[in-house]
Amino acid sequence: MEENLITGFGGAVLAGGQSKRMGFDKALLDINGKPLIAKVAQALNEAGIINLQIVGGNSKEFLSLGYECLPDEYPGEGPLGGIITALNHFRNEGKKHVMIVACDLPNISKNLIREMLLKSLREPKSIVVPVVEEHLQWMHALWPTDVLPTLLKSFSNSVRAPWRATKELQLLKIEGIDPKVLFDIDQPEDLKKFCDPDFLKGGFN
């Protein structure tokens, strides 16, 4: 039963950031022979999410890779705008939940995504969000589409940080996440760290 329900989730990869600190589009960064965004999308697919959209960014490049793309409804307004764009799209398609992740997670885990999907089936009104070193990981969260009106209200009041926009919403936190799983490549120093053989020594959970 749960296997069938998982296929009803939507998925979105946020690619609208300007990558100023990297100096180039980090979504297209080559990771072991494939663009970083392809690695992220693959993890979502392997977790059971087939209906996938790339939000914002270089849509011409992403379309050439075979992905469906959504223009960010609020370009330049930060990740909350991309989250709202994704939720609005999938809500109109009748989806109840959307797994929304950033495009810069080279170690993204299909197992963690799948765990989040299953938890959402049991607590469908909650935003499912991992916690790493006491920080909520909003760029790797599972959102009920029913939270859209609350987010839009916050957004219209100039709120741009996801943690501020979700203060009145129900959260289901996942603790004990290996920080390496949600490591993001945001600047050249992060890429250097990721390429260091010692960084992934011993693997990760």
N, C-alpha and C. Protein backbone atom coordinates (compact mmCIF):
# COMPACT_ATOMS: atom_id res chain seq x y z
N MET A 1 0.83 -1.20 0.00
CA MET A 1 0.00 0.00 0.00
C MET A 1 0.87 1.26 0.00
N GLU A 2 1.88 1.30 0.89
CA GLU A 2 2.75 2.47 0.96
C GLU A 2 3.53 2.66 -0.33
N GLU A 3 3.94 1.56 -0.97
CA GLU A 3 4.67 1.64 -2.22
C GLU A 3 3.83 2.38 -3.27
N ASN A 4 2.54 2.06 -3.35
CA ASN A 4 1.68 2.70 -4.33
C ASN A 4 1.47 4.18 -4.02
N LEU A 5 1.34 4.50 -2.73
CA LEU A 5 1.10 5.88 -2.34
C LEU A 5 2.31 6.77 -2.62
N ILE A 6 3.51 6.24 -2.48
CA ILE A 6 4.72 7.03 -2.70
C ILE A 6 4.77 7.59 -4.12
N THR A 7 4.26 6.85 -5.09
CA THR A 7 4.31 7.32 -6.47
C THR A 7 3.43 8.55 -6.69
N GLY A 8 2.60 8.89 -5.72
CA GLY A 8 1.74 10.06 -5.85
C GLY A 8 2.37 11.35 -5.37
N PHE A 9 3.62 11.31 -4.93
CA PHE A 9 4.31 12.51 -4.47
C PHE A 9 4.90 13.28 -5.66
N GLY A 10 4.93 14.60 -5.54
CA GLY A 10 5.66 15.41 -6.50
C GLY A 10 7.06 15.68 -5.98
N GLY A 11 7.95 16.04 -6.89
CA GLY A 11 9.32 16.37 -6.51
C GLY A 11 9.79 17.61 -7.24
N ALA A 12 10.59 18.43 -6.57
CA ALA A 12 11.11 19.64 -7.18
C ALA A 12 12.55 19.86 -6.76
N VAL A 13 13.37 20.27 -7.71
CA VAL A 13 14.76 20.65 -7.44
C VAL A 13 14.87 22.15 -7.67
N LEU A 14 15.29 22.87 -6.64
CA LEU A 14 15.43 24.32 -6.74
C LEU A 14 16.78 24.67 -7.37
N ALA A 15 16.72 25.36 -8.51
CA ALA A 15 17.95 25.68 -9.25
C ALA A 15 18.03 27.16 -9.58
N GLY A 16 17.27 27.98 -8.86
CA GLY A 16 17.18 29.39 -9.21
C GLY A 16 18.21 30.29 -8.59
N GLY A 17 19.07 29.75 -7.74
CA GLY A 17 20.11 30.59 -7.14
C GLY A 17 21.08 31.11 -8.18
N GLN A 18 21.71 32.23 -7.89
CA GLN A 18 22.60 32.86 -8.87
C GLN A 18 24.02 32.31 -8.83
N SER A 19 24.34 31.46 -7.86
CA SER A 19 25.67 30.83 -7.77
C SER A 19 26.80 31.86 -7.79
N LYS A 20 26.58 33.01 -7.18
CA LYS A 20 27.58 34.08 -7.23
C LYS A 20 28.90 33.65 -6.59
N ARG A 21 28.81 32.91 -5.48
CA ARG A 21 30.04 32.53 -4.79
C ARG A 21 30.82 31.47 -5.55
N MET A 22 30.13 30.68 -6.37
CA MET A 22 30.82 29.67 -7.16
C MET A 22 31.44 30.27 -8.42
N GLY A 23 30.78 31.27 -8.98
CA GLY A 23 31.28 31.88 -10.20
C GLY A 23 30.78 31.21 -11.46
N PHE A 24 30.00 30.14 -11.31
CA PHE A 24 29.38 29.45 -12.45
C PHE A 24 28.16 28.71 -11.91
N ASP A 25 27.35 28.18 -12.82
CA ASP A 25 26.11 27.51 -12.41
C ASP A 25 26.44 26.19 -11.73
N LYS A 26 26.30 26.15 -10.41
CA LYS A 26 26.67 24.94 -9.67
C LYS A 26 25.76 23.77 -9.99
N ALA A 27 24.57 24.02 -10.49
CA ALA A 27 23.67 22.92 -10.86
C ALA A 27 24.28 22.05 -11.96
N LEU A 28 25.16 22.65 -12.77
CA LEU A 28 25.77 21.93 -13.89
C LEU A 28 27.19 21.45 -13.57
N LEU A 29 27.60 21.59 -12.34
CA LEU A 29 28.92 21.12 -11.91
C LEU A 29 29.07 19.62 -12.17
N ASP A 30 30.17 19.23 -12.77
CA ASP A 30 30.40 17.82 -13.09
C ASP A 30 30.79 17.05 -11.83
N ILE A 31 29.97 16.05 -11.49
CA ILE A 31 30.25 15.17 -10.36
C ILE A 31 30.31 13.74 -10.88
N ASN A 32 31.51 13.21 -10.96
CA ASN A 32 31.70 11.84 -11.45
C ASN A 32 31.04 11.61 -12.81
N GLY A 33 31.21 12.61 -13.69
CA GLY A 33 30.75 12.43 -15.06
C GLY A 33 29.33 12.85 -15.36
N LYS A 34 28.63 13.39 -14.38
CA LYS A 34 27.27 13.87 -14.66
C LYS A 34 27.02 15.18 -13.92
N PRO A 35 26.12 16.02 -14.46
CA PRO A 35 25.82 17.28 -13.77
C PRO A 35 25.27 17.03 -12.37
N LEU A 36 25.63 17.91 -11.45
CA LEU A 36 25.18 17.77 -10.08
C LEU A 36 23.66 17.67 -10.00
N ILE A 37 22.96 18.46 -10.79
CA ILE A 37 21.50 18.44 -10.73
C ILE A 37 20.94 17.09 -11.17
N ALA A 38 21.66 16.42 -12.07
CA ALA A 38 21.22 15.08 -12.50
C ALA A 38 21.37 14.07 -11.38
N LYS A 39 22.41 14.22 -10.59
CA LYS A 39 22.62 13.34 -9.43
C LYS A 39 21.49 13.52 -8.41
N VAL A 40 21.11 14.78 -8.20
CA VAL A 40 20.02 15.08 -7.26
C VAL A 40 18.70 14.51 -7.77
N ALA A 41 18.42 14.75 -9.05
CA ALA A 41 17.18 14.25 -9.64
C ALA A 41 17.12 12.73 -9.61
N GLN A 42 18.25 12.09 -9.84
CA GLN A 42 18.30 10.63 -9.82
C GLN A 42 17.93 10.08 -8.44
N ALA A 43 18.41 10.72 -7.39
CA ALA A 43 18.09 10.27 -6.03
C ALA A 43 16.59 10.36 -5.77
N LEU A 44 15.96 11.43 -6.24
CA LEU A 44 14.52 11.57 -6.09
C LEU A 44 13.78 10.47 -6.84
N ASN A 45 14.21 10.23 -8.08
CA ASN A 45 13.58 9.17 -8.88
C ASN A 45 13.72 7.80 -8.23
N GLU A 46 14.93 7.51 -7.73
CA GLU A 46 15.18 6.20 -7.13
C GLU A 46 14.43 6.02 -5.81
N ALA A 47 14.08 7.12 -5.17
CA ALA A 47 13.28 7.04 -3.94
C ALA A 47 11.81 6.81 -4.24
N GLY A 48 11.43 6.94 -5.51
CA GLY A 48 10.05 6.68 -5.90
C GLY A 48 9.30 7.88 -6.43
N ILE A 49 9.99 9.02 -6.56
CA ILE A 49 9.34 10.23 -7.07
C ILE A 49 9.60 10.34 -8.57
N ILE A 50 8.55 10.14 -9.34
CA ILE A 50 8.68 10.16 -10.80
C ILE A 50 8.29 11.51 -11.37
N ASN A 51 7.28 12.15 -10.79
CA ASN A 51 6.80 13.45 -11.26
C ASN A 51 7.71 14.54 -10.70
N LEU A 52 8.63 15.00 -11.53
CA LEU A 52 9.72 15.87 -11.06
C LEU A 52 9.80 17.13 -11.91
N GLN A 53 10.03 18.26 -11.24
CA GLN A 53 10.20 19.54 -11.92
C GLN A 53 11.48 20.23 -11.42
N ILE A 54 12.18 20.88 -12.35
CA ILE A 54 13.30 21.75 -11.98
C ILE A 54 12.76 23.17 -11.92
N VAL A 55 12.95 23.84 -10.79
CA VAL A 55 12.38 25.18 -10.59
C VAL A 55 13.47 26.23 -10.74
N GLY A 56 13.26 27.15 -11.70
CA GLY A 56 14.18 28.26 -11.89
C GLY A 56 15.46 27.83 -12.59
N GLY A 57 16.40 28.75 -12.65
CA GLY A 57 17.71 28.43 -13.22
C GLY A 57 17.72 28.41 -14.74
N ASN A 58 18.73 27.73 -15.27
CA ASN A 58 18.98 27.69 -16.71
C ASN A 58 18.09 26.63 -17.36
N SER A 59 16.86 27.00 -17.64
CA SER A 59 15.90 26.01 -18.14
C SER A 59 16.32 25.41 -19.47
N LYS A 60 17.01 26.17 -20.31
CA LYS A 60 17.46 25.64 -21.60
C LYS A 60 18.39 24.45 -21.40
N GLU A 61 19.34 24.60 -20.49
CA GLU A 61 20.28 23.50 -20.19
C GLU A 61 19.55 22.32 -19.56
N PHE A 62 18.64 22.59 -18.64
CA PHE A 62 17.94 21.51 -17.94
C PHE A 62 17.01 20.75 -18.88
N LEU A 63 16.36 21.48 -19.79
CA LEU A 63 15.51 20.83 -20.79
C LEU A 63 16.34 19.92 -21.69
N SER A 64 17.56 20.36 -22.02
CA SER A 64 18.43 19.55 -22.87
C SER A 64 18.86 18.26 -22.17
N LEU A 65 18.80 18.26 -20.83
CA LEU A 65 19.12 17.06 -20.06
C LEU A 65 17.91 16.15 -19.89
N GLY A 66 16.76 16.61 -20.39
CA GLY A 66 15.57 15.78 -20.36
C GLY A 66 14.62 16.04 -19.21
N TYR A 67 14.81 17.16 -18.50
CA TYR A 67 13.96 17.45 -17.35
C TYR A 67 12.84 18.43 -17.70
N GLU A 68 11.74 18.31 -16.99
CA GLU A 68 10.67 19.30 -17.08
C GLU A 68 11.03 20.47 -16.17
N CYS A 69 10.72 21.67 -16.63
CA CYS A 69 11.15 22.86 -15.89
C CYS A 69 9.99 23.80 -15.61
N LEU A 70 10.07 24.46 -14.46
CA LEU A 70 9.11 25.49 -14.07
C LEU A 70 9.85 26.81 -13.89
N PRO A 71 9.38 27.88 -14.50
CA PRO A 71 9.99 29.18 -14.18
C PRO A 71 9.65 29.57 -12.76
N ASP A 72 10.62 30.10 -12.06
CA ASP A 72 10.39 30.59 -10.69
C ASP A 72 9.41 31.76 -10.75
N GLU A 73 8.31 31.66 -10.02
CA GLU A 73 7.32 32.73 -10.02
C GLU A 73 7.83 33.99 -9.33
N TYR A 74 8.88 33.83 -8.53
CA TYR A 74 9.40 34.96 -7.75
C TYR A 74 10.93 35.01 -7.88
N PRO A 75 11.45 35.21 -9.09
CA PRO A 75 12.91 35.19 -9.27
C PRO A 75 13.60 36.25 -8.44
N GLY A 76 14.73 35.87 -7.87
CA GLY A 76 15.51 36.80 -7.07
C GLY A 76 15.01 37.00 -5.66
N GLU A 77 13.97 36.24 -5.27
CA GLU A 77 13.38 36.40 -3.94
C GLU A 77 13.77 35.28 -2.97
N GLY A 78 14.76 34.50 -3.34
CA GLY A 78 15.24 33.47 -2.43
C GLY A 78 14.49 32.15 -2.56
N PRO A 79 14.91 31.16 -1.78
CA PRO A 79 14.36 29.81 -1.92
C PRO A 79 12.88 29.70 -1.58
N LEU A 80 12.36 30.56 -0.70
CA LEU A 80 10.94 30.46 -0.36
C LEU A 80 10.07 30.68 -1.60
N GLY A 81 10.50 31.57 -2.48
CA GLY A 81 9.76 31.78 -3.73
C GLY A 81 9.73 30.53 -4.58
N GLY A 82 10.86 29.81 -4.64
CA GLY A 82 10.91 28.56 -5.39
C GLY A 82 10.05 27.48 -4.76
N ILE A 83 10.04 27.44 -3.43
CA ILE A 83 9.20 26.47 -2.71
C ILE A 83 7.73 26.73 -3.01
N ILE A 84 7.33 27.99 -2.96
CA ILE A 84 5.94 28.35 -3.26
C ILE A 84 5.59 28.00 -4.71
N THR A 85 6.52 28.27 -5.63
CA THR A 85 6.30 27.93 -7.04
C THR A 85 6.03 26.44 -7.20
N ALA A 86 6.85 25.62 -6.57
CA ALA A 86 6.70 24.16 -6.68
C ALA A 86 5.38 23.69 -6.05
N LEU A 87 5.07 24.20 -4.88
CA LEU A 87 3.84 23.78 -4.20
C LEU A 87 2.61 24.18 -5.00
N ASN A 88 2.63 25.37 -5.57
CA ASN A 88 1.50 25.84 -6.37
C ASN A 88 1.29 24.95 -7.59
N HIS A 89 2.38 24.60 -8.26
CA HIS A 89 2.29 23.74 -9.44
C HIS A 89 1.69 22.38 -9.09
N PHE A 90 2.24 21.74 -8.08
CA PHE A 90 1.80 20.38 -7.76
C PHE A 90 0.43 20.37 -7.09
N ARG A 91 0.10 21.42 -6.38
CA ARG A 91 -1.25 21.50 -5.80
C ARG A 91 -2.28 21.55 -6.93
N ASN A 92 -1.98 22.31 -7.97
CA ASN A 92 -2.88 22.39 -9.12
C ASN A 92 -3.00 21.06 -9.85
N GLU A 93 -1.98 20.22 -9.70
CA GLU A 93 -2.01 18.88 -10.30
C GLU A 93 -2.67 17.86 -9.39
N GLY A 94 -3.09 18.29 -8.21
CA GLY A 94 -3.78 17.39 -7.29
C GLY A 94 -2.87 16.63 -6.34
N LYS A 95 -1.58 17.00 -6.31
CA LYS A 95 -0.66 16.32 -5.40
C LYS A 95 -0.85 16.85 -3.97
N LYS A 96 -0.66 15.97 -3.01
CA LYS A 96 -0.80 16.34 -1.60
C LYS A 96 0.52 16.69 -0.94
N HIS A 97 1.62 16.19 -1.49
CA HIS A 97 2.94 16.42 -0.89
C HIS A 97 3.98 16.62 -1.99
N VAL A 98 4.99 17.42 -1.67
CA VAL A 98 6.08 17.66 -2.61
C VAL A 98 7.41 17.61 -1.86
N MET A 99 8.31 16.78 -2.35
CA MET A 99 9.67 16.74 -1.83
C MET A 99 10.47 17.80 -2.57
N ILE A 100 10.98 18.80 -1.84
CA ILE A 100 11.67 19.93 -2.46
C ILE A 100 13.10 19.99 -1.93
N VAL A 101 14.06 19.94 -2.86
CA VAL A 101 15.47 19.91 -2.47
C VAL A 101 16.26 20.92 -3.29
N ALA A 102 17.40 21.32 -2.76
CA ALA A 102 18.32 22.19 -3.49
C ALA A 102 19.09 21.38 -4.53
N CYS A 103 19.66 22.10 -5.49
CA CYS A 103 20.37 21.43 -6.58
C CYS A 103 21.83 21.14 -6.25
N ASP A 104 22.28 21.51 -5.04
CA ASP A 104 23.72 21.48 -4.76
C ASP A 104 24.10 20.47 -3.68
N LEU A 105 23.41 19.31 -3.66
CA LEU A 105 23.63 18.30 -2.63
C LEU A 105 24.27 17.05 -3.25
N PRO A 106 25.59 16.98 -3.31
CA PRO A 106 26.25 15.88 -4.02
C PRO A 106 26.09 14.51 -3.36
N ASN A 107 25.81 14.49 -2.06
CA ASN A 107 25.67 13.21 -1.35
C ASN A 107 24.22 12.87 -1.02
N ILE A 108 23.29 13.51 -1.70
CA ILE A 108 21.88 13.31 -1.41
C ILE A 108 21.54 11.81 -1.41
N SER A 109 20.73 11.41 -0.44
CA SER A 109 20.48 9.99 -0.20
C SER A 109 19.04 9.60 -0.54
N LYS A 110 18.90 8.65 -1.44
CA LYS A 110 17.56 8.15 -1.76
C LYS A 110 16.93 7.49 -0.53
N ASN A 111 17.74 6.92 0.34
CA ASN A 111 17.21 6.26 1.54
C ASN A 111 16.60 7.28 2.50
N LEU A 112 17.26 8.43 2.67
CA LEU A 112 16.70 9.47 3.52
C LEU A 112 15.41 10.01 2.92
N ILE A 113 15.41 10.25 1.62
CA ILE A 113 14.20 10.74 0.96
C ILE A 113 13.05 9.76 1.16
N ARG A 114 13.35 8.50 0.97
CA ARG A 114 12.30 7.48 1.12
C ARG A 114 11.78 7.44 2.57
N GLU A 115 12.68 7.56 3.52
CA GLU A 115 12.25 7.60 4.92
C GLU A 115 11.31 8.78 5.16
N MET A 116 11.62 9.91 4.56
CA MET A 116 10.77 11.09 4.71
C MET A 116 9.41 10.89 4.07
N LEU A 117 9.38 10.25 2.92
CA LEU A 117 8.11 9.97 2.25
C LEU A 117 7.22 9.09 3.12
N LEU A 118 7.81 8.06 3.69
CA LEU A 118 7.04 7.13 4.53
C LEU A 118 6.53 7.82 5.79
N LYS A 119 7.37 8.67 6.38
CA LYS A 119 6.92 9.40 7.57
C LYS A 119 5.78 10.34 7.24
N SER A 120 5.83 10.92 6.05
CA SER A 120 4.77 11.84 5.65
C SER A 120 3.44 11.12 5.46
N LEU A 121 3.48 9.88 5.02
CA LEU A 121 2.25 9.11 4.89
C LEU A 121 1.57 8.92 6.24
N ARG A 122 2.39 8.85 7.28
CA ARG A 122 1.84 8.61 8.62
C ARG A 122 1.46 9.90 9.34
N GLU A 123 2.12 11.01 8.94
CA GLU A 123 1.78 12.32 9.51
C GLU A 123 1.60 13.31 8.36
N PRO A 124 0.52 13.18 7.60
CA PRO A 124 0.37 13.92 6.35
C PRO A 124 0.25 15.44 6.48
N LYS A 125 -0.04 15.94 7.66
CA LYS A 125 -0.19 17.39 7.83
C LYS A 125 1.12 18.08 8.20
N SER A 126 2.16 17.30 8.44
CA SER A 126 3.43 17.87 8.90
C SER A 126 4.40 18.11 7.75
N ILE A 127 5.19 19.17 7.88
CA ILE A 127 6.36 19.34 7.03
C ILE A 127 7.45 18.44 7.61
N VAL A 128 7.99 17.55 6.80
CA VAL A 128 9.03 16.64 7.27
C VAL A 128 10.38 17.27 6.92
N VAL A 129 11.19 17.51 7.94
CA VAL A 129 12.45 18.23 7.72
C VAL A 129 13.57 17.61 8.55
N PRO A 130 14.71 17.30 7.93
CA PRO A 130 15.85 16.77 8.68
C PRO A 130 16.51 17.85 9.54
N VAL A 131 17.18 17.38 10.57
CA VAL A 131 17.94 18.27 11.45
C VAL A 131 19.40 17.82 11.44
N VAL A 132 20.29 18.75 11.15
CA VAL A 132 21.73 18.46 11.16
C VAL A 132 22.40 19.45 12.10
N GLU A 133 23.02 18.91 13.14
CA GLU A 133 23.72 19.74 14.11
C GLU A 133 22.83 20.89 14.60
N GLU A 134 21.60 20.53 14.94
CA GLU A 134 20.59 21.43 15.52
C GLU A 134 20.02 22.43 14.53
N HIS A 135 20.35 22.30 13.24
CA HIS A 135 19.83 23.21 12.23
C HIS A 135 18.82 22.48 11.33
N LEU A 136 17.64 23.06 11.17
CA LEU A 136 16.64 22.49 10.27
C LEU A 136 17.10 22.69 8.83
N GLN A 137 16.99 21.63 8.04
CA GLN A 137 17.48 21.64 6.66
C GLN A 137 16.32 21.91 5.70
N TRP A 138 15.99 23.18 5.55
CA TRP A 138 14.83 23.57 4.75
C TRP A 138 15.02 23.30 3.27
N MET A 139 16.26 23.14 2.83
CA MET A 139 16.50 22.87 1.42
C MET A 139 16.47 21.38 1.10
N HIS A 140 15.91 20.61 2.02
CA HIS A 140 15.73 19.16 1.82
C HIS A 140 14.53 18.75 2.67
N ALA A 141 13.36 19.26 2.29
CA ALA A 141 12.17 19.06 3.12
C ALA A 141 10.99 18.56 2.29
N LEU A 142 10.08 17.91 2.97
CA LEU A 142 8.87 17.37 2.34
C LEU A 142 7.68 18.19 2.82
N TRP A 143 6.97 18.79 1.88
CA TRP A 143 5.94 19.78 2.19
C TRP A 143 4.55 19.30 1.80
N PRO A 144 3.57 19.38 2.71
CA PRO A 144 2.18 19.20 2.30
C PRO A 144 1.75 20.42 1.46
N THR A 145 1.07 20.19 0.36
CA THR A 145 0.66 21.33 -0.46
C THR A 145 -0.37 22.21 0.25
N ASP A 146 -1.01 21.68 1.27
CA ASP A 146 -2.00 22.47 2.01
C ASP A 146 -1.39 23.64 2.79
N VAL A 147 -0.06 23.65 2.94
CA VAL A 147 0.57 24.77 3.66
C VAL A 147 0.74 25.99 2.76
N LEU A 148 0.42 25.86 1.48
CA LEU A 148 0.66 26.95 0.53
C LEU A 148 0.02 28.27 0.96
N PRO A 149 -1.25 28.31 1.37
CA PRO A 149 -1.83 29.60 1.77
C PRO A 149 -1.06 30.29 2.90
N THR A 150 -0.58 29.51 3.87
CA THR A 150 0.19 30.10 4.97
C THR A 150 1.50 30.69 4.46
N LEU A 151 2.17 29.97 3.57
CA LEU A 151 3.43 30.47 3.01
C LEU A 151 3.20 31.73 2.18
N LEU A 152 2.13 31.73 1.40
CA LEU A 152 1.82 32.91 0.58
C LEU A 152 1.53 34.13 1.44
N LYS A 153 0.83 33.92 2.54
CA LYS A 153 0.54 35.03 3.45
C LYS A 153 1.83 35.60 4.02
N SER A 154 2.73 34.72 4.46
CA SER A 154 4.02 35.18 4.98
C SER A 154 4.82 35.90 3.90
N PHE A 155 4.81 35.33 2.70
CA PHE A 155 5.57 35.91 1.60
C PHE A 155 5.06 37.31 1.27
N SER A 156 3.73 37.48 1.29
CA SER A 156 3.15 38.79 0.99
C SER A 156 3.48 39.81 2.07
N ASN A 157 3.86 39.32 3.25
CA ASN A 157 4.29 40.19 4.34
C ASN A 157 5.80 40.35 4.40
N SER A 158 6.45 40.09 3.27
CA SER A 158 7.90 40.28 3.08
C SER A 158 8.76 39.27 3.81
N VAL A 159 8.17 38.17 4.27
CA VAL A 159 8.97 37.09 4.86
C VAL A 159 9.62 36.30 3.72
N ARG A 160 10.91 36.06 3.84
CA ARG A 160 11.62 35.31 2.80
C ARG A 160 12.33 34.07 3.34
N ALA A 161 12.50 33.97 4.63
CA ALA A 161 13.19 32.82 5.23
C ALA A 161 12.17 31.71 5.51
N PRO A 162 12.42 30.49 5.02
CA PRO A 162 11.47 29.39 5.27
C PRO A 162 11.18 29.18 6.75
N TRP A 163 12.18 29.32 7.62
CA TRP A 163 11.94 29.05 9.03
C TRP A 163 10.98 30.07 9.64
N ARG A 164 10.99 31.28 9.12
CA ARG A 164 10.03 32.29 9.60
C ARG A 164 8.62 32.01 9.07
N ALA A 165 8.55 31.58 7.82
CA ALA A 165 7.25 31.36 7.18
C ALA A 165 6.53 30.14 7.75
N THR A 166 7.26 29.28 8.44
CA THR A 166 6.66 28.02 8.92
C THR A 166 6.42 28.02 10.43
N LYS A 167 6.53 29.17 11.07
CA LYS A 167 6.41 29.22 12.53
C LYS A 167 5.09 28.67 13.04
N GLU A 168 4.02 28.83 12.28
CA GLU A 168 2.69 28.40 12.72
C GLU A 168 2.33 27.01 12.19
N LEU A 169 3.25 26.38 11.50
CA LEU A 169 2.97 25.09 10.86
C LEU A 169 3.54 23.92 11.66
N GLN A 170 2.98 22.76 11.41
CA GLN A 170 3.38 21.55 12.13
C GLN A 170 4.60 20.93 11.46
N LEU A 171 5.62 20.61 12.26
CA LEU A 171 6.85 20.03 11.75
C LEU A 171 7.06 18.63 12.29
N LEU A 172 7.62 17.78 11.46
CA LEU A 172 8.09 16.46 11.89
C LEU A 172 9.58 16.43 11.61
N LYS A 173 10.38 16.48 12.67
CA LYS A 173 11.83 16.56 12.52
C LYS A 173 12.46 15.18 12.50
N ILE A 174 13.44 15.01 11.63
CA ILE A 174 14.21 13.76 11.57
C ILE A 174 15.60 14.04 12.12
N GLU A 175 15.91 13.43 13.23
CA GLU A 175 17.19 13.66 13.90
C GLU A 175 18.21 12.59 13.50
N GLY A 176 19.45 12.82 13.92
CA GLY A 176 20.50 11.83 13.74
C GLY A 176 21.00 11.68 12.32
N ILE A 177 20.90 12.73 11.53
CA ILE A 177 21.34 12.68 10.13
C ILE A 177 22.85 12.94 10.06
N ASP A 178 23.55 12.10 9.31
CA ASP A 178 24.97 12.33 9.07
C ASP A 178 25.13 13.64 8.29
N PRO A 179 25.89 14.61 8.80
CA PRO A 179 26.04 15.89 8.10
C PRO A 179 26.52 15.76 6.66
N LYS A 180 27.28 14.72 6.37
CA LYS A 180 27.80 14.56 5.01
C LYS A 180 26.68 14.35 3.99
N VAL A 181 25.58 13.74 4.43
CA VAL A 181 24.48 13.45 3.51
C VAL A 181 23.88 14.74 2.95
N LEU A 182 23.81 15.78 3.77
CA LEU A 182 23.20 17.04 3.35
C LEU A 182 24.24 18.15 3.16
N PHE A 183 25.48 17.75 2.95
CA PHE A 183 26.54 18.70 2.63
C PHE A 183 26.22 19.37 1.30
N ASP A 184 26.32 20.70 1.26
CA ASP A 184 26.01 21.42 0.02
C ASP A 184 27.24 22.14 -0.51
N ILE A 185 27.32 22.21 -1.82
CA ILE A 185 28.42 22.91 -2.48
C ILE A 185 27.93 24.31 -2.82
N ASP A 186 28.32 25.25 -1.99
CA ASP A 186 27.82 26.62 -2.12
C ASP A 186 28.91 27.60 -2.54
N GLN A 187 30.18 27.19 -2.37
CA GLN A 187 31.29 28.07 -2.70
C GLN A 187 32.50 27.21 -3.04
N PRO A 188 33.54 27.80 -3.66
CA PRO A 188 34.70 27.00 -4.08
C PRO A 188 35.32 26.18 -2.96
N GLU A 189 35.32 26.70 -1.74
CA GLU A 189 35.90 25.95 -0.62
C GLU A 189 35.13 24.66 -0.35
N ASP A 190 33.81 24.69 -0.57
CA ASP A 190 33.00 23.48 -0.39
C ASP A 190 33.35 22.43 -1.43
N LEU A 191 33.57 22.87 -2.66
CA LEU A 191 33.94 21.94 -3.72
C LEU A 191 35.29 21.31 -3.42
N LYS A 192 36.22 22.12 -2.94
CA LYS A 192 37.54 21.60 -2.58
C LYS A 192 37.42 20.56 -1.47
N LYS A 193 36.58 20.83 -0.49
CA LYS A 193 36.36 19.89 0.61
C LYS A 193 35.75 18.59 0.10
N PHE A 194 34.76 18.71 -0.78
CA PHE A 194 34.10 17.53 -1.33
C PHE A 194 35.08 16.65 -2.11
N CYS A 195 36.01 17.28 -2.81
CA CYS A 195 36.97 16.55 -3.64
C CYS A 195 38.12 15.95 -2.83
N ASP A 196 38.24 16.32 -1.58
CA ASP A 196 39.28 15.76 -0.71
C ASP A 196 38.92 14.31 -0.38
N PRO A 197 39.79 13.34 -0.72
CA PRO A 197 39.48 11.93 -0.46
C PRO A 197 39.16 11.63 1.00
N ASP A 198 39.72 12.41 1.92
CA ASP A 198 39.47 12.17 3.34
C ASP A 198 38.06 12.56 3.77
N PHE A 199 37.41 13.41 2.97
CA PHE A 199 36.08 13.90 3.37
C PHE A 199 35.06 12.78 3.45
N LEU A 200 35.08 11.90 2.47
CA LEU A 200 34.11 10.80 2.44
C LEU A 200 34.70 9.49 2.95
N LYS A 201 35.87 9.58 3.55
CA LYS A 201 36.50 8.37 4.08
C LYS A 201 35.59 7.70 5.10
N GLY A 202 35.36 6.43 4.92
CA GLY A 202 34.48 5.70 5.81
C GLY A 202 33.02 5.77 5.40
N GLY A 203 32.74 6.52 4.30
CA GLY A 203 31.37 6.61 3.83
C GLY A 203 30.51 7.47 4.72
N PHE A 204 29.21 7.34 4.56
CA PHE A 204 28.26 8.08 5.39
C PHE A 204 26.96 7.30 5.43
N ASN A 205 26.14 7.66 6.41
CA ASN A 205 24.88 6.95 6.61
C ASN A 205 23.74 7.63 5.87
